[in-house]
Amino acid sequence: MYEPKEPTSKFIKIRCPKCKNEQITFGKSSTLVKCLVCSKPLVGPTGGKSKIRARILEVLD
């Protein structure tokens, strides 16, 4: 019988090191994610898991 796989990617809550804004992003982002307040790059794509340049506050299920 077929069992669905658990997803390996999660959403993460991060905090901008410059302005302390908190936002939620995808852990395997394929595009550059910038802070919504100050436009500082927070997450960069690498082809797999993202390169995170911010503090991770929480991993959301």
N, C-alpha and C. Protein backbone atom coordinates (compact mmCIF):
# COMPACT_ATOMS: atom_id res chain seq x y z
N MET A 1 0.83 -1.18 0.00
CA MET A 1 0.00 0.00 0.00
C MET A 1 0.89 1.26 0.00
N TYR A 2 0.45 2.29 -0.67
CA TYR A 2 1.21 3.53 -0.80
C TYR A 2 1.08 4.39 0.45
N GLU A 3 2.23 4.81 0.99
CA GLU A 3 2.22 5.73 2.11
C GLU A 3 2.84 7.04 1.66
N PRO A 4 2.16 8.17 1.88
CA PRO A 4 2.74 9.46 1.46
C PRO A 4 3.97 9.79 2.30
N LYS A 5 4.97 10.40 1.65
CA LYS A 5 6.20 10.79 2.33
C LYS A 5 5.98 12.07 3.11
N GLU A 6 6.72 12.19 4.18
CA GLU A 6 6.71 13.44 4.95
C GLU A 6 7.53 14.48 4.17
N PRO A 7 7.07 15.72 4.12
CA PRO A 7 7.86 16.73 3.43
C PRO A 7 9.17 17.00 4.17
N THR A 8 10.24 17.20 3.42
CA THR A 8 11.54 17.46 4.04
C THR A 8 11.80 18.95 4.22
N SER A 9 10.97 19.78 3.65
CA SER A 9 11.15 21.22 3.76
C SER A 9 10.14 21.80 4.74
N LYS A 10 10.54 22.87 5.40
CA LYS A 10 9.70 23.50 6.41
C LYS A 10 9.69 25.01 6.19
N PHE A 11 8.73 25.65 6.82
CA PHE A 11 8.73 27.10 6.88
C PHE A 11 9.50 27.51 8.13
N ILE A 12 10.21 28.63 8.05
CA ILE A 12 10.99 29.09 9.19
C ILE A 12 10.67 30.55 9.48
N LYS A 13 10.70 30.89 10.75
CA LYS A 13 10.52 32.28 11.16
C LYS A 13 11.91 32.83 11.43
N ILE A 14 12.25 33.95 10.76
CA ILE A 14 13.57 34.55 10.89
C ILE A 14 13.46 36.00 11.33
N ARG A 15 14.57 36.52 11.87
CA ARG A 15 14.62 37.93 12.30
C ARG A 15 15.74 38.63 11.57
N CYS A 16 15.43 39.76 10.99
CA CYS A 16 16.43 40.56 10.27
C CYS A 16 17.47 41.08 11.27
N PRO A 17 18.77 40.91 10.97
CA PRO A 17 19.80 41.41 11.89
C PRO A 17 19.92 42.93 11.90
N LYS A 18 19.40 43.59 10.87
CA LYS A 18 19.53 45.04 10.78
C LYS A 18 18.39 45.78 11.49
N CYS A 19 17.14 45.41 11.17
CA CYS A 19 16.00 46.16 11.72
C CYS A 19 15.14 45.36 12.69
N LYS A 20 15.49 44.10 12.93
CA LYS A 20 14.79 43.20 13.88
C LYS A 20 13.38 42.83 13.45
N ASN A 21 13.05 43.03 12.18
CA ASN A 21 11.75 42.61 11.67
C ASN A 21 11.69 41.08 11.61
N GLU A 22 10.56 40.51 12.02
CA GLU A 22 10.38 39.06 11.95
C GLU A 22 9.48 38.73 10.77
N GLN A 23 9.86 37.70 10.02
CA GLN A 23 9.02 37.24 8.91
C GLN A 23 9.21 35.75 8.70
N ILE A 24 8.27 35.16 7.98
CA ILE A 24 8.27 33.73 7.73
C ILE A 24 8.64 33.48 6.28
N THR A 25 9.53 32.52 6.06
CA THR A 25 9.97 32.18 4.71
C THR A 25 10.08 30.66 4.59
N PHE A 26 10.29 30.21 3.37
CA PHE A 26 10.40 28.79 3.08
C PHE A 26 11.86 28.35 3.26
N GLY A 27 12.07 27.20 3.84
CA GLY A 27 13.43 26.73 4.11
C GLY A 27 14.23 26.38 2.87
N LYS A 28 13.57 26.07 1.77
CA LYS A 28 14.26 25.75 0.51
C LYS A 28 13.84 26.75 -0.57
N SER A 29 14.03 28.00 -0.30
CA SER A 29 13.63 29.06 -1.22
C SER A 29 14.48 29.03 -2.48
N SER A 30 13.85 29.22 -3.64
CA SER A 30 14.59 29.23 -4.91
C SER A 30 14.85 30.65 -5.40
N THR A 31 14.43 31.65 -4.64
CA THR A 31 14.68 33.04 -5.00
C THR A 31 15.27 33.77 -3.79
N LEU A 32 15.85 34.92 -4.04
CA LEU A 32 16.39 35.76 -2.99
C LEU A 32 15.23 36.34 -2.18
N VAL A 33 15.31 36.22 -0.86
CA VAL A 33 14.28 36.78 0.03
C VAL A 33 14.89 37.96 0.76
N LYS A 34 14.24 39.12 0.63
CA LYS A 34 14.70 40.34 1.29
C LYS A 34 13.77 40.70 2.43
N CYS A 35 14.30 41.45 3.39
CA CYS A 35 13.50 41.94 4.50
C CYS A 35 12.41 42.86 3.95
N LEU A 36 11.22 42.71 4.48
CA LEU A 36 10.09 43.51 4.00
C LEU A 36 10.17 44.97 4.46
N VAL A 37 10.99 45.26 5.47
CA VAL A 37 11.10 46.61 6.00
C VAL A 37 12.30 47.35 5.42
N CYS A 38 13.49 46.73 5.52
CA CYS A 38 14.72 47.45 5.13
C CYS A 38 15.37 46.92 3.85
N SER A 39 14.82 45.88 3.24
CA SER A 39 15.30 45.29 1.99
C SER A 39 16.67 44.63 2.07
N LYS A 40 17.15 44.30 3.27
CA LYS A 40 18.40 43.57 3.41
C LYS A 40 18.18 42.12 2.96
N PRO A 41 19.07 41.54 2.15
CA PRO A 41 18.92 40.13 1.76
C PRO A 41 19.03 39.22 2.97
N LEU A 42 18.04 38.36 3.17
CA LEU A 42 18.00 37.47 4.33
C LEU A 42 18.25 36.02 3.96
N VAL A 43 17.74 35.59 2.80
CA VAL A 43 17.84 34.19 2.38
C VAL A 43 18.25 34.15 0.92
N GLY A 44 19.26 33.35 0.62
CA GLY A 44 19.72 33.21 -0.75
C GLY A 44 19.58 31.77 -1.23
N PRO A 45 19.24 31.56 -2.49
CA PRO A 45 19.10 30.21 -3.02
C PRO A 45 20.46 29.56 -3.25
N THR A 46 20.52 28.23 -3.06
CA THR A 46 21.76 27.50 -3.31
C THR A 46 21.53 26.27 -4.16
N GLY A 47 20.29 25.99 -4.53
CA GLY A 47 19.98 24.79 -5.30
C GLY A 47 19.40 23.70 -4.42
N GLY A 48 19.43 23.87 -3.14
CA GLY A 48 18.87 22.92 -2.18
C GLY A 48 18.32 23.71 -1.01
N LYS A 49 18.88 23.45 0.17
CA LYS A 49 18.51 24.27 1.32
C LYS A 49 19.05 25.67 1.12
N SER A 50 18.32 26.64 1.60
CA SER A 50 18.71 28.04 1.40
C SER A 50 19.85 28.45 2.33
N LYS A 51 20.62 29.43 1.88
CA LYS A 51 21.65 30.06 2.72
C LYS A 51 20.96 31.16 3.51
N ILE A 52 20.85 30.98 4.81
CA ILE A 52 20.11 31.91 5.66
C ILE A 52 21.08 32.87 6.32
N ARG A 53 20.85 34.17 6.12
CA ARG A 53 21.71 35.21 6.66
C ARG A 53 21.00 35.98 7.77
N ALA A 54 20.10 35.33 8.46
CA ALA A 54 19.34 35.96 9.53
C ALA A 54 19.23 34.96 10.68
N ARG A 55 18.79 35.45 11.81
CA ARG A 55 18.62 34.57 12.97
C ARG A 55 17.34 33.75 12.83
N ILE A 56 17.44 32.43 12.99
CA ILE A 56 16.27 31.56 12.93
C ILE A 56 15.62 31.56 14.32
N LEU A 57 14.36 31.96 14.37
CA LEU A 57 13.64 32.02 15.63
C LEU A 57 12.88 30.74 15.91
N GLU A 58 12.31 30.16 14.83
CA GLU A 58 11.43 29.01 15.02
C GLU A 58 11.30 28.26 13.70
N VAL A 59 11.18 26.93 13.78
CA VAL A 59 10.87 26.11 12.62
C VAL A 59 9.42 25.70 12.75
N LEU A 60 8.63 26.05 11.75
CA LEU A 60 7.19 25.80 11.81
C LEU A 60 6.85 24.48 11.12
N ASP A 61 5.96 23.71 11.73
CA ASP A 61 5.55 22.43 11.16
C ASP A 61 4.37 22.58 10.24
